[in-house]
Amino acid sequence: MSQSVQLDSPISICPPEILSIIFTYCIDASNDDPGHVIGLEHTAPPTTLTQVCRQWRSAAVSTPLLWSRVTLNMIVLDRYRNKNFHENVAARFNTWLTRSQAIPFSCRLVFRVQDSLSFYYSRILELLLRHAHRLRNLALEVPWMSGWFQPS
């Protein structure tokens, strides 16, 4: 018997609908998590699910619930002064909101007022306003900056 037999793993023959259900458990397992941070890494679901194979990517991208929570920590992103980096984050935020389709979503924004990044912030807020009718929760965090505002 010289013919080689390729055995597919059960997950590789799983219908997309079943994959979507399995993928939502990845998100539900972190229910206390306020959302996945966009911009710095590609290591959290649902992003990692899109990088396994075409079948998983297709299933993850077409499962809006996976994209229904997001965190943008702009204080962490402030370390990167490259405009292209900030534009990339804004584009990824737009993709994230688009993939959540018509379902309600939760968003957490952590930022500080800083003139050098005002264009970037306005771009993020503009994207958020386009989808405001779907907002389930919005958390805005503006940590106190020493010397920024001193009450009289």
Protein backbone atom coordinates (compact mmCIF):
# COMPACT_ATOMS: atom_id res chain seq x y z
CA MET A 1 0.00 0.00 0.00
CA SER A 2 2.03 2.89 -1.33
CA GLN A 3 -0.77 5.41 -1.31
CA SER A 4 -0.50 7.93 1.51
CA VAL A 5 -3.61 8.75 3.41
CA GLN A 6 -4.07 12.23 4.74
CA LEU A 7 -6.18 12.33 7.85
CA ASP A 8 -7.97 15.59 8.52
CA SER A 9 -8.34 16.64 12.09
CA PRO A 10 -11.98 16.91 13.20
CA ILE A 11 -11.69 20.68 13.63
CA SER A 12 -10.61 21.12 10.00
CA ILE A 13 -13.84 19.59 8.72
CA CYS A 14 -16.03 21.45 11.18
CA PRO A 15 -18.76 23.59 9.54
CA PRO A 16 -18.30 27.37 9.87
CA GLU A 17 -21.44 27.64 12.03
CA ILE A 18 -19.95 25.26 14.61
CA LEU A 19 -16.61 27.07 14.49
CA SER A 20 -18.42 30.34 15.21
CA ILE A 21 -20.06 28.82 18.29
CA ILE A 22 -16.73 27.47 19.52
CA PHE A 23 -15.06 30.83 18.89
CA THR A 24 -17.66 32.70 20.94
CA TYR A 25 -16.66 30.58 23.92
CA CYS A 26 -13.15 32.03 23.59
CA ILE A 27 -14.63 35.48 24.13
CA ASP A 28 -17.15 34.42 26.78
CA ALA A 29 -14.38 32.83 28.83
CA SER A 30 -13.03 36.32 29.43
CA ASN A 31 -16.38 37.86 30.35
CA ASP A 32 -14.80 40.17 32.94
CA ASP A 33 -12.43 41.46 30.28
CA PRO A 34 -13.60 44.89 29.09
CA GLY A 35 -12.51 44.07 25.56
CA HIS A 36 -9.50 43.37 23.49
CA VAL A 37 -6.86 46.03 23.06
CA ILE A 38 -6.31 47.17 19.51
CA GLY A 39 -2.95 48.36 18.34
CA LEU A 40 -0.12 46.67 20.14
CA GLU A 41 -0.43 42.98 19.56
CA HIS A 42 -2.25 40.34 17.62
CA THR A 43 -2.30 37.83 20.46
CA ALA A 44 -5.85 38.03 21.80
CA PRO A 45 -8.98 36.53 20.38
CA PRO A 46 -10.56 37.24 17.99
CA THR A 47 -7.44 38.42 16.16
CA THR A 48 -5.55 35.17 16.75
CA LEU A 49 -8.48 33.17 15.40
CA THR A 50 -8.16 34.96 12.07
CA GLN A 51 -4.52 33.90 11.73
CA VAL A 52 -4.83 30.10 11.94
CA CYS A 53 -6.11 29.23 8.47
CA ARG A 54 -8.53 30.49 5.81
CA GLN A 55 -11.44 28.53 7.23
CA TRP A 56 -10.95 29.94 10.73
CA ARG A 57 -10.43 33.45 9.37
CA SER A 58 -13.65 33.28 7.41
CA ALA A 59 -15.60 31.96 10.40
CA ALA A 60 -14.13 34.53 12.81
CA VAL A 61 -14.61 37.51 10.51
CA SER A 62 -18.24 36.54 9.90
CA THR A 63 -19.06 36.14 13.62
CA PRO A 64 -20.05 39.65 14.81
CA LEU A 65 -20.22 38.67 18.49
CA LEU A 66 -16.44 38.13 18.48
CA TRP A 67 -15.97 41.81 17.63
CA SER A 68 -18.56 43.22 20.07
CA ARG A 69 -16.10 44.39 22.77
CA VAL A 70 -13.04 46.53 22.28
CA THR A 71 -10.59 48.57 24.31
CA LEU A 72 -8.39 51.32 22.95
CA ASN A 73 -5.77 52.32 25.48
CA MET A 74 -4.43 55.45 23.84
CA ILE A 75 -2.07 56.18 26.72
CA VAL A 76 -0.14 53.04 25.86
CA LEU A 77 -0.37 53.94 22.17
CA ASP A 78 0.99 57.45 22.90
CA ARG A 79 4.46 55.92 23.13
CA TYR A 80 4.37 55.55 19.38
CA ARG A 81 4.80 58.93 17.75
CA ASN A 82 4.62 57.54 14.24
CA LYS A 83 1.55 58.92 12.45
CA ASN A 84 1.36 55.78 10.29
CA PHE A 85 1.07 53.67 13.43
CA HIS A 86 -1.83 55.78 14.69
CA GLU A 87 -3.54 55.66 11.31
CA ASN A 88 -3.13 51.89 11.32
CA VAL A 89 -4.79 51.69 14.75
CA ALA A 90 -7.66 53.87 13.52
CA ALA A 91 -8.05 51.60 10.47
CA ARG A 92 -8.06 48.52 12.71
CA PHE A 93 -10.65 50.14 14.98
CA ASN A 94 -12.81 50.79 11.91
CA THR A 95 -12.39 47.15 10.81
CA TRP A 96 -13.31 45.98 14.31
CA LEU A 97 -16.50 48.09 14.35
CA THR A 98 -17.41 46.95 10.84
CA ARG A 99 -16.96 43.28 11.75
CA SER A 100 -19.31 43.68 14.70
CA GLN A 101 -21.94 44.37 12.01
CA ALA A 102 -25.31 45.47 13.40
CA ILE A 103 -25.08 44.03 16.92
CA PRO A 104 -24.60 46.23 20.00
CA PHE A 105 -21.00 46.62 21.12
CA SER A 106 -19.08 47.81 24.15
CA CYS A 107 -16.13 50.15 23.91
CA ARG A 108 -13.58 51.31 26.45
CA LEU A 109 -11.38 54.28 25.59
CA VAL A 110 -8.48 55.24 27.82
CA PHE A 111 -6.84 58.53 26.88
CA ARG A 112 -5.36 61.77 28.06
CA VAL A 113 -5.74 65.15 26.44
CA GLN A 114 -2.67 65.87 24.39
CA ASP A 115 -2.47 68.37 21.54
CA SER A 116 0.02 66.35 19.52
CA LEU A 117 -2.46 63.50 19.18
CA SER A 118 -5.69 65.47 18.84
CA PHE A 119 -6.09 64.51 15.16
CA TYR A 120 -5.69 60.86 16.06
CA TYR A 121 -8.21 61.11 18.90
CA SER A 122 -10.70 62.93 16.70
CA ARG A 123 -10.39 60.18 14.08
CA ILE A 124 -11.15 57.51 16.71
CA LEU A 125 -14.10 59.51 18.09
CA GLU A 126 -15.42 60.11 14.57
CA LEU A 127 -15.43 56.36 13.93
CA LEU A 128 -17.12 55.75 17.26
CA LEU A 129 -19.83 58.33 16.51
CA ARG A 130 -20.66 56.59 13.22
CA HIS A 131 -21.57 53.51 15.22
CA ALA A 132 -22.96 55.28 18.32
CA HIS A 133 -26.49 54.00 17.67
CA ARG A 134 -25.20 50.48 18.44
CA LEU A 135 -23.31 51.29 21.63
CA ARG A 136 -24.28 49.03 24.53
CA ASN A 137 -21.60 50.41 26.88
CA LEU A 138 -19.06 53.17 26.55
CA ALA A 139 -16.37 53.73 29.15
CA LEU A 140 -14.16 56.79 28.87
CA GLU A 141 -11.18 56.88 31.17
CA VAL A 142 -9.09 60.01 31.49
CA PRO A 143 -6.49 59.46 34.21
CA TRP A 144 -5.46 62.47 36.27
CA MET A 145 -2.33 64.08 34.93
CA SER A 146 -0.24 65.90 37.50
CA GLY A 147 0.07 69.57 36.62
CA TRP A 148 -2.47 69.38 33.81
CA PHE A 149 -5.32 70.91 35.74
CA GLN A 150 -5.06 72.51 39.13
CA PRO A 151 -8.30 73.72 40.73
CA SER A 152 -8.00 77.16 42.34
